[in-house]
PDB file of all heavy atoms in Angstrom:
ATOM      1  N   ALA A   1      68.868  85.711  98.534  1.00  0.00           N
ATOM      2  CA  ALA A   1      70.173  85.039  98.082  1.00  0.00           C
ATOM      3  C   ALA A   1      70.176  83.582  98.649  1.00  0.00           C
ATOM      4  O   ALA A   1      69.566  83.302  99.621  1.00  0.00           O
ATOM      5  CB  ALA A   1      71.348  85.839  98.503  1.00  0.00           C
ATOM      6  N   ARG A   2      70.966  82.783  97.946  1.00  0.00           N
ATOM      7  CA  ARG A   2      71.122  81.443  98.380  1.00  0.00           C
ATOM      8  C   ARG A   2      72.536  81.031  98.126  1.00  0.00           C
ATOM      9  O   ARG A   2      73.130  81.312  97.041  1.00  0.00           O
ATOM     10  CB  ARG A   2      70.170  80.440  97.670  1.00  0.00           C
ATOM     11  CG  ARG A   2      70.239  79.024  98.150  1.00  0.00           C
ATOM     12  CD  ARG A   2      69.287  78.184  97.436  1.00  0.00           C
ATOM     13  NE  ARG A   2      69.595  77.893  95.993  1.00  0.00           N
ATOM     14  CZ  ARG A   2      68.920  77.139  95.248  1.00  0.00           C
ATOM     15  NH1 ARG A   2      67.806  76.648  95.640  1.00  0.00           N
ATOM     16  NH2 ARG A   2      69.311  76.989  94.009  1.00  0.00           N
ATOM     17  N   ARG A   3      73.196  80.353  99.021  1.00  0.00           N
ATOM     18  CA  ARG A   3      74.507  79.731  98.806  1.00  0.00           C
ATOM     19  C   ARG A   3      74.392  78.332  99.050  1.00  0.00           C
ATOM     20  O   ARG A   3      74.185  77.926 100.231  1.00  0.00           O
ATOM     21  CB  ARG A   3      75.612  80.448  99.658  1.00  0.00           C
ATOM     22  CG  ARG A   3      76.960  79.901  99.435  1.00  0.00           C
ATOM     23  CD  ARG A   3      78.094  80.806  99.782  1.00  0.00           C
ATOM     24  NE  ARG A   3      79.347  80.339  99.139  1.00  0.00           N
ATOM     25  CZ  ARG A   3      80.485  80.907  99.432  1.00  0.00           C
ATOM     26  NH1 ARG A   3      80.693  81.852 100.411  1.00  0.00           N
ATOM     27  NH2 ARG A   3      81.643  80.386  98.846  1.00  0.00           N
ATOM     28  N   GLY A   4      74.547  77.582  98.028  1.00  0.00           N
ATOM     29  CA  GLY A   4      74.318  76.058  98.173  1.00  0.00           C
ATOM     30  C   GLY A   4      72.858  75.913  98.454  1.00  0.00           C
ATOM     31  O   GLY A   4      71.994  76.400  97.725  1.00  0.00           O
ATOM     32  N   GLN A   5      72.526  75.228  99.536  1.00  0.00           N
ATOM     33  CA  GLN A   5      71.227  75.036 100.036  1.00  0.00           C
ATOM     34  C   GLN A   5      70.791  76.039 101.106  1.00  0.00           C
ATOM     35  O   GLN A   5      69.613  75.888 101.697  1.00  0.00           O
ATOM     36  CB  GLN A   5      71.027  73.461 100.561  1.00  0.00           C
ATOM     37  CG  GLN A   5      71.377  72.540  99.448  1.00  0.00           C
ATOM     38  CD  GLN A   5      70.478  72.645  98.213  1.00  0.00           C
ATOM     39  OE1 GLN A   5      69.219  72.779  98.390  1.00  0.00           O
ATOM     40  NE2 GLN A   5      71.134  72.644  97.020  1.00  0.00           N
ATOM     41  N   ARG A   6      71.634  76.943 101.402  1.00  0.00           N
ATOM     42  CA  ARG A   6      71.468  77.869 102.585  1.00  0.00           C
ATOM     43  C   ARG A   6      70.823  79.159 101.977  1.00  0.00           C
ATOM     44  O   ARG A   6      71.360  79.793 101.178  1.00  0.00           O
ATOM     45  CB  ARG A   6      72.707  78.081 103.336  1.00  0.00           C
ATOM     46  CG  ARG A   6      72.535  79.088 104.544  1.00  0.00           C
ATOM     47  CD  ARG A   6      73.729  78.982 105.365  1.00  0.00           C
ATOM     48  NE  ARG A   6      74.876  79.611 104.568  1.00  0.00           N
ATOM     49  CZ  ARG A   6      75.203  80.857 104.450  1.00  0.00           C
ATOM     50  NH1 ARG A   6      74.404  81.765 105.041  1.00  0.00           N
ATOM     51  NH2 ARG A   6      76.250  81.337 103.830  1.00  0.00           N
ATOM     52  N   PHE A   7      69.673  79.570 102.422  1.00  0.00           N
ATOM     53  CA  PHE A   7      68.970  80.778 102.163  1.00  0.00           C
ATOM     54  C   PHE A   7      69.607  81.853 103.002  1.00  0.00           C
ATOM     55  O   PHE A   7      69.802  81.764 104.100  1.00  0.00           O
ATOM     56  CB  PHE A   7      67.483  80.735 102.083  1.00  0.00           C
ATOM     57  CG  PHE A   7      66.964  79.894 100.940  1.00  0.00           C
ATOM     58  CD1 PHE A   7      66.661  78.554 101.289  1.00  0.00           C
ATOM     59  CD2 PHE A   7      66.672  80.505  99.758  1.00  0.00           C
ATOM     60  CE1 PHE A   7      66.133  77.733 100.172  1.00  0.00           C
ATOM     61  CE2 PHE A   7      66.123  79.656  98.749  1.00  0.00           C
ATOM     62  CZ  PHE A   7      65.902  78.359  98.858  1.00  0.00           C
ATOM     63  N   ILE A   8      69.658  83.214 102.348  1.00  0.00           N
ATOM     64  CA  ILE A   8      70.177  84.301 103.024  1.00  0.00           C
ATOM     65  C   ILE A   8      69.240  85.429 102.941  1.00  0.00           C
ATOM     66  O   ILE A   8      68.940  85.832 101.798  1.00  0.00           O
ATOM     67  CB  ILE A   8      71.665  84.649 102.504  1.00  0.00           C
ATOM     68  CG1 ILE A   8      72.564  83.336 102.542  1.00  0.00           C
ATOM     69  CG2 ILE A   8      72.295  85.836 103.232  1.00  0.00           C
ATOM     70  CD1 ILE A   8      73.745  83.581 101.609  1.00  0.00           C
ATOM     71  N   GLU A   9      68.856  85.978 104.072  1.00  0.00           N
ATOM     72  CA  GLU A   9      67.952  87.123 103.982  1.00  0.00           C
ATOM     73  C   GLU A   9      68.922  88.473 103.917  1.00  0.00           C
ATOM     74  O   GLU A   9      69.943  88.520 104.665  1.00  0.00           O
ATOM     75  CB  GLU A   9      67.086  87.307 105.281  1.00  0.00           C
ATOM     76  CG  GLU A   9      66.045  86.108 105.288  1.00  0.00           C
ATOM     77  CD  GLU A   9      65.010  86.290 104.184  1.00  0.00           C
ATOM     78  OE1 GLU A   9      64.811  87.335 103.639  1.00  0.00           O
ATOM     79  OE2 GLU A   9      64.375  85.236 103.814  1.00  0.00           O
ATOM     80  N   LEU A  10      68.533  89.480 103.096  1.00  0.00           N
ATOM     81  CA  LEU A  10      69.383  90.547 102.879  1.00  0.00           C
ATOM     82  C   LEU A  10      68.564  91.855 103.183  1.00  0.00           C
ATOM     83  O   LEU A  10      67.400  91.939 102.818  1.00  0.00           O
ATOM     84  CB  LEU A  10      69.844  90.677 101.415  1.00  0.00           C
ATOM     85  CG  LEU A  10      70.728  89.390 100.898  1.00  0.00           C
ATOM     86  CD1 LEU A  10      70.904  89.583  99.399  1.00  0.00           C
ATOM     87  CD2 LEU A  10      72.000  89.362 101.651  1.00  0.00           C
ATOM     88  N   SER A  11      69.310  92.812 103.737  1.00  0.00           N
ATOM     89  CA  SER A  11      68.692  94.233 103.884  1.00  0.00           C
ATOM     90  C   SER A  11      68.784  94.808 102.564  1.00  0.00           C
ATOM     91  O   SER A  11      69.457  94.330 101.571  1.00  0.00           O
ATOM     92  CB  SER A  11      69.462  95.103 104.929  1.00  0.00           C
ATOM     93  OG  SER A  11      70.766  95.380 104.434  1.00  0.00           O
ATOM     94  N   THR A  12      68.139  96.041 102.466  1.00  0.00           N
ATOM     95  CA  THR A  12      68.074  96.694 101.194  1.00  0.00           C
ATOM     96  C   THR A  12      69.485  97.067 100.665  1.00  0.00           C
ATOM     97  O   THR A  12      69.881  96.786  99.468  1.00  0.00           O
ATOM     98  CB  THR A  12      67.299  98.034 101.339  1.00  0.00           C
ATOM     99  OG1 THR A  12      66.073  97.867 101.794  1.00  0.00           O
ATOM    100  CG2 THR A  12      67.330  98.811  99.947  1.00  0.00           C
ATOM    101  N   THR A  13      70.415  97.475 101.461  1.00  0.00           N
ATOM    102  CA  THR A  13      71.766  97.831 101.023  1.00  0.00           C
ATOM    103  C   THR A  13      72.513  96.664 100.698  1.00  0.00           C
ATOM    104  O   THR A  13      73.261  96.639  99.680  1.00  0.00           O
ATOM    105  CB  THR A  13      72.481  98.632 102.094  1.00  0.00           C
ATOM    106  OG1 THR A  13      71.630  99.850 102.423  1.00  0.00           O
ATOM    107  CG2 THR A  13      73.844  99.095 101.693  1.00  0.00           C
ATOM    108  N   GLU A  14      72.420  95.519 101.472  1.00  0.00           N
ATOM    109  CA  GLU A  14      73.103  94.370 101.174  1.00  0.00           C
ATOM    110  C   GLU A  14      72.749  93.832  99.867  1.00  0.00           C
ATOM    111  O   GLU A  14      73.555  93.370  99.120  1.00  0.00           O
ATOM    112  CB  GLU A  14      72.872  93.350 102.243  1.00  0.00           C
ATOM    113  CG  GLU A  14      73.393  93.619 103.628  1.00  0.00           C
ATOM    114  CD  GLU A  14      72.806  92.885 104.792  1.00  0.00           C
ATOM    115  OE1 GLU A  14      71.870  92.114 104.580  1.00  0.00           O
ATOM    116  OE2 GLU A  14      73.368  93.063 105.873  1.00  0.00           O
ATOM    117  N   TYR A  15      71.379  93.874  99.558  1.00  0.00           N
ATOM    118  CA  TYR A  15      70.893  93.342  98.222  1.00  0.00           C
ATOM    119  C   TYR A  15      71.455  94.157  97.154  1.00  0.00           C
ATOM    120  O   TYR A  15      71.943  93.551  96.126  1.00  0.00           O
ATOM    121  CB  TYR A  15      69.380  93.481  98.218  1.00  0.00           C
ATOM    122  CG  TYR A  15      68.826  93.304  96.783  1.00  0.00           C
ATOM    123  CD1 TYR A  15      68.701  91.946  96.176  1.00  0.00           C
ATOM    124  CD2 TYR A  15      68.402  94.413  96.121  1.00  0.00           C
ATOM    125  CE1 TYR A  15      68.139  91.950  94.911  1.00  0.00           C
ATOM    126  CE2 TYR A  15      67.817  94.296  94.877  1.00  0.00           C
ATOM    127  CZ  TYR A  15      67.678  93.012  94.228  1.00  0.00           C
ATOM    128  OH  TYR A  15      67.252  92.934  92.947  1.00  0.00           O
ATOM    129  N   GLU A  16      71.458  95.470  97.223  1.00  0.00           N
ATOM    130  CA  GLU A  16      71.947  96.262  96.130  1.00  0.00           C
ATOM    131  C   GLU A  16      73.445  96.104  95.943  1.00  0.00           C
ATOM    132  O   GLU A  16      73.924  96.021  94.757  1.00  0.00           O
ATOM    133  CB  GLU A  16      71.714  97.767  96.414  1.00  0.00           C
ATOM    134  CG  GLU A  16      70.355  98.215  96.444  1.00  0.00           C
ATOM    135  CD  GLU A  16      69.557  98.104  95.110  1.00  0.00           C
ATOM    136  OE1 GLU A  16      70.272  98.046  94.184  1.00  0.00           O
ATOM    137  OE2 GLU A  16      68.288  98.143  95.147  1.00  0.00           O
ATOM    138  N   LEU A  17      74.122  95.880  97.020  1.00  0.00           N
ATOM    139  CA  LEU A  17      75.595  95.642  96.841  1.00  0.00           C
ATOM    140  C   LEU A  17      75.904  94.292  96.231  1.00  0.00           C
ATOM    141  O   LEU A  17      76.767  94.223  95.337  1.00  0.00           O
ATOM    142  CB  LEU A  17      76.199  95.690  98.307  1.00  0.00           C
ATOM    143  CG  LEU A  17      77.743  95.752  98.435  1.00  0.00           C
ATOM    144  CD1 LEU A  17      78.275  96.924  97.644  1.00  0.00           C
ATOM    145  CD2 LEU A  17      78.135  95.870  99.888  1.00  0.00           C
ATOM    146  N   LEU A  18      75.225  93.201  96.654  1.00  0.00           N
ATOM    147  CA  LEU A  18      75.441  91.984  96.167  1.00  0.00           C
ATOM    148  C   LEU A  18      75.068  91.767  94.782  1.00  0.00           C
ATOM    149  O   LEU A  18      75.643  91.218  93.842  1.00  0.00           O
ATOM    150  CB  LEU A  18      74.659  90.907  97.007  1.00  0.00           C
ATOM    151  CG  LEU A  18      74.852  89.435  96.530  1.00  0.00           C
ATOM    152  CD1 LEU A  18      76.304  89.041  96.464  1.00  0.00           C
ATOM    153  CD2 LEU A  18      74.022  88.436  97.350  1.00  0.00           C
ATOM    154  N   ARG A  19      73.896  92.544  94.365  1.00  0.00           N
ATOM    155  CA  ARG A  19      73.552  92.498  92.935  1.00  0.00           C
ATOM    156  C   ARG A  19      74.568  93.088  92.037  1.00  0.00           C
ATOM    157  O   ARG A  19      74.819  92.668  90.916  1.00  0.00           O
ATOM    158  CB  ARG A  19      72.206  93.264  92.806  1.00  0.00           C
ATOM    159  CG  ARG A  19      71.591  93.178  91.393  1.00  0.00           C
ATOM    160  CD  ARG A  19      70.225  93.906  91.232  1.00  0.00           C
ATOM    161  NE  ARG A  19      70.313  95.290  91.568  1.00  0.00           N
ATOM    162  CZ  ARG A  19      69.257  96.109  91.329  1.00  0.00           C
ATOM    163  NH1 ARG A  19      68.151  95.663  90.766  1.00  0.00           N
ATOM    164  NH2 ARG A  19      69.356  97.422  91.618  1.00  0.00           N
ATOM    165  N   LEU A  20      75.134  94.263  92.542  1.00  0.00           N
ATOM    166  CA  LEU A  20      76.184  94.926  91.726  1.00  0.00           C
ATOM    167  C   LEU A  20      77.425  94.009  91.510  1.00  0.00           C
ATOM    168  O   LEU A  20      77.987  93.910  90.384  1.00  0.00           O
ATOM    169  CB  LEU A  20      76.580  96.161  92.476  1.00  0.00           C
ATOM    170  CG  LEU A  20      77.580  97.172  91.671  1.00  0.00           C
ATOM    171  CD1 LEU A  20      76.979  97.441  90.263  1.00  0.00           C
ATOM    172  CD2 LEU A  20      77.832  98.368  92.491  1.00  0.00           C
ATOM    173  N   PHE A  21      77.768  93.242  92.592  1.00  0.00           N
ATOM    174  CA  PHE A  21      78.907  92.227  92.409  1.00  0.00           C
ATOM    175  C   PHE A  21      78.634  91.194  91.448  1.00  0.00           C
ATOM    176  O   PHE A  21      79.433  90.846  90.570  1.00  0.00           O
ATOM    177  CB  PHE A  21      79.278  91.714  93.765  1.00  0.00           C
ATOM    178  CG  PHE A  21      80.062  92.573  94.631  1.00  0.00           C
ATOM    179  CD1 PHE A  21      79.685  92.973  95.915  1.00  0.00           C
ATOM    180  CD2 PHE A  21      81.329  93.045  94.218  1.00  0.00           C
ATOM    181  CE1 PHE A  21      80.582  93.843  96.743  1.00  0.00           C
ATOM    182  CE2 PHE A  21      82.198  93.793  94.962  1.00  0.00           C
ATOM    183  CZ  PHE A  21      81.782  94.195  96.307  1.00  0.00           C
ATOM    184  N   LEU A  22      77.381  90.717  91.526  1.00  0.00           N
ATOM    185  CA  LEU A  22      76.913  89.541  90.735  1.00  0.00           C
ATOM    186  C   LEU A  22      76.746  89.941  89.286  1.00  0.00           C
ATOM    187  O   LEU A  22      77.010  89.038  88.371  1.00  0.00           O
ATOM    188  CB  LEU A  22      75.639  88.898  91.254  1.00  0.00           C
ATOM    189  CG  LEU A  22      75.822  88.000  92.518  1.00  0.00           C
ATOM    190  CD1 LEU A  22      74.500  87.775  93.094  1.00  0.00           C
ATOM    191  CD2 LEU A  22      76.729  86.772  92.235  1.00  0.00           C
ATOM    192  N   ARG A  23      76.503  91.166  89.015  1.00  0.00           N
ATOM    193  CA  ARG A  23      76.441  91.590  87.637  1.00  0.00           C
ATOM    194  C   ARG A  23      77.784  91.966  87.012  1.00  0.00           C
ATOM    195  O   ARG A  23      77.845  92.262  85.833  1.00  0.00           O
ATOM    196  CB  ARG A  23      75.546  92.807  87.551  1.00  0.00           C
ATOM    197  CG  ARG A  23      73.989  92.434  87.677  1.00  0.00           C
ATOM    198  CD  ARG A  23      73.158  93.583  87.476  1.00  0.00           C
ATOM    199  NE  ARG A  23      71.690  93.020  87.303  1.00  0.00           N
ATOM    200  CZ  ARG A  23      70.669  93.864  87.496  1.00  0.00           C
ATOM    201  NH1 ARG A  23      70.708  95.174  87.779  1.00  0.00           N
ATOM    202  NH2 ARG A  23      69.438  93.343  87.327  1.00  0.00           N
ATOM    203  N   ASN A  24      78.911  91.960  87.812  1.00  0.00           N
ATOM    204  CA  ASN A  24      80.180  92.379  87.482  1.00  0.00           C
ATOM    205  C   ASN A  24      81.280  91.393  87.981  1.00  0.00           C
ATOM    206  O   ASN A  24      82.149  91.785  88.679  1.00  0.00           O
ATOM    207  CB  ASN A  24      80.495  93.739  87.799  1.00  0.00           C
ATOM    208  CG  ASN A  24      79.602  94.840  87.264  1.00  0.00           C
ATOM    209  OD1 ASN A  24      79.790  95.281  86.069  1.00  0.00           O
ATOM    210  ND2 ASN A  24      78.552  95.125  87.999  1.00  0.00           N
ATOM    211  N   PRO A  25      80.922  90.045  87.804  1.00  0.00           N
ATOM    212  CA  PRO A  25      81.946  89.104  88.438  1.00  0.00           C
ATOM    213  C   PRO A  25      83.337  89.228  87.742  1.00  0.00           C
ATOM    214  O   PRO A  25      83.462  89.584  86.642  1.00  0.00           O
ATOM    215  CB  PRO A  25      81.292  87.792  87.994  1.00  0.00           C
ATOM    216  CG  PRO A  25      80.509  87.949  86.754  1.00  0.00           C
ATOM    217  CD  PRO A  25      79.933  89.427  87.016  1.00  0.00           C
ATOM    218  N   ARG A  26      84.294  89.000  88.642  1.00  0.00           N
ATOM    219  CA  ARG A  26      85.767  88.958  88.295  1.00  0.00           C
ATOM    220  C   ARG A  26      86.255  90.386  87.817  1.00  0.00           C
ATOM    221  O   ARG A  26      87.346  90.531  87.370  1.00  0.00           O
ATOM    222  CB  ARG A  26      85.957  87.988  87.113  1.00  0.00           C
ATOM    223  CG  ARG A  26      85.663  86.567  87.623  1.00  0.00           C
ATOM    224  CD  ARG A  26      85.999  85.566  86.425  1.00  0.00           C
ATOM    225  NE  ARG A  26      85.539  84.237  86.713  1.00  0.00           N
ATOM    226  CZ  ARG A  26      84.315  83.800  86.354  1.00  0.00           C
ATOM    227  NH1 ARG A  26      83.523  84.524  85.825  1.00  0.00           N
ATOM    228  NH2 ARG A  26      83.990  82.545  86.726  1.00  0.00           N
ATOM    229  N   ILE A  27      85.430  91.437  87.984  1.00  0.00           N
ATOM    230  CA  ILE A  27      85.864  92.821  87.676  1.00  0.00           C
ATOM    231  C   ILE A  27      86.088  93.467  88.965  1.00  0.00           C
ATOM    232  O   ILE A  27      85.180  93.535  89.867  1.00  0.00           O
ATOM    233  CB  ILE A  27      84.718  93.516  86.881  1.00  0.00           C
ATOM    234  CG1 ILE A  27      84.507  92.771  85.474  1.00  0.00           C
ATOM    235  CG2 ILE A  27      85.006  94.957  86.542  1.00  0.00           C
ATOM    236  CD1 ILE A  27      83.332  93.298  84.751  1.00  0.00           C
ATOM    237  N   VAL A  28      87.176  94.208  89.085  1.00  0.00           N
ATOM    238  CA  VAL A  28      87.481  95.001  90.240  1.00  0.00           C
ATOM    239  C   VAL A  28      86.540  96.266  90.231  1.00  0.00           C
ATOM    240  O   VAL A  28      86.635  97.012  89.279  1.00  0.00           O
ATOM    241  CB  VAL A  28      88.920  95.413  90.360  1.00  0.00           C
ATOM    242  CG1 VAL A  28      89.209  96.268  91.567  1.00  0.00           C
ATOM    243  CG2 VAL A  28      89.880  94.125  90.364  1.00  0.00           C
ATOM    244  N   LEU A  29      85.766  96.415  91.241  1.00  0.00           N
ATOM    245  CA  LEU A  29      84.876  97.545  91.509  1.00  0.00           C
ATOM    246  C   LEU A  29      85.568  98.472  92.480  1.00  0.00           C
ATOM    247  O   LEU A  29      85.754  98.076  93.640  1.00  0.00           O
ATOM    248  CB  LEU A  29      83.473  97.141  91.942  1.00  0.00           C
ATOM    249  CG  LEU A  29      82.815  96.103  91.091  1.00  0.00           C
ATOM    250  CD1 LEU A  29      81.378  95.703  91.671  1.00  0.00           C
ATOM    251  CD2 LEU A  29      82.619  96.677  89.698  1.00  0.00           C
ATOM    252  N   THR A  30      85.834  99.758  92.078  1.00  0.00           N
ATOM    253  CA  THR A  30      86.524 100.643  92.994  1.00  0.00           C
ATOM    254  C   THR A  30      85.637 101.109  94.104  1.00  0.00           C
ATOM    255  O   THR A  30      84.429 101.012  93.924  1.00  0.00           O
ATOM    256  CB  THR A  30      87.132 101.836  92.236  1.00  0.00           C
ATOM    257  OG1 THR A  30      85.907 102.571  91.707  1.00  0.00           O
ATOM    258  CG2 THR A  30      87.924 101.438  90.999  1.00  0.00           C
ATOM    259  N   ARG A  31      86.188 101.607  95.164  1.00  0.00           N
ATOM    260  CA  ARG A  31      85.417 102.079  96.291  1.00  0.00           C
ATOM    261  C   ARG A  31      84.576 103.294  95.849  1.00  0.00           C
ATOM    262  O   ARG A  31      83.401 103.418  96.207  1.00  0.00           O
ATOM    263  CB  ARG A  31      86.289 102.613  97.369  1.00  0.00           C
ATOM    264  CG  ARG A  31      87.012 101.339  98.145  1.00  0.00           C
ATOM    265  CD  ARG A  31      87.884 101.761  99.258  1.00  0.00           C
ATOM    266  NE  ARG A  31      88.224 100.674 100.116  1.00  0.00           N
ATOM    267  CZ  ARG A  31      89.349  99.813  99.783  1.00  0.00           C
ATOM    268  NH1 ARG A  31      89.982 100.002  98.631  1.00  0.00           N
ATOM    269  NH2 ARG A  31      89.623  98.820 100.561  1.00  0.00           N
ATOM    270  N   ALA A  32      85.131 104.166  94.953  1.00  0.00           N
ATOM    271  CA  ALA A  32      84.332 105.264  94.376  1.00  0.00           C
ATOM    272  C   ALA A  32      83.187 104.832  93.616  1.00  0.00           C
ATOM    273  O   ALA A  32      82.069 105.428  93.769  1.00  0.00           O
ATOM    274  CB  ALA A  32      85.333 106.224  93.610  1.00  0.00           C
TER     275      ALA A  32
END
């Protein structure tokens, strides 16, 4: 991941979680 010019290393779970958020921007994702 990258925010601005800053690169971010992600663990497996962090990557999967962020990918899910980025594929569903502005949509509320329930805990379930």
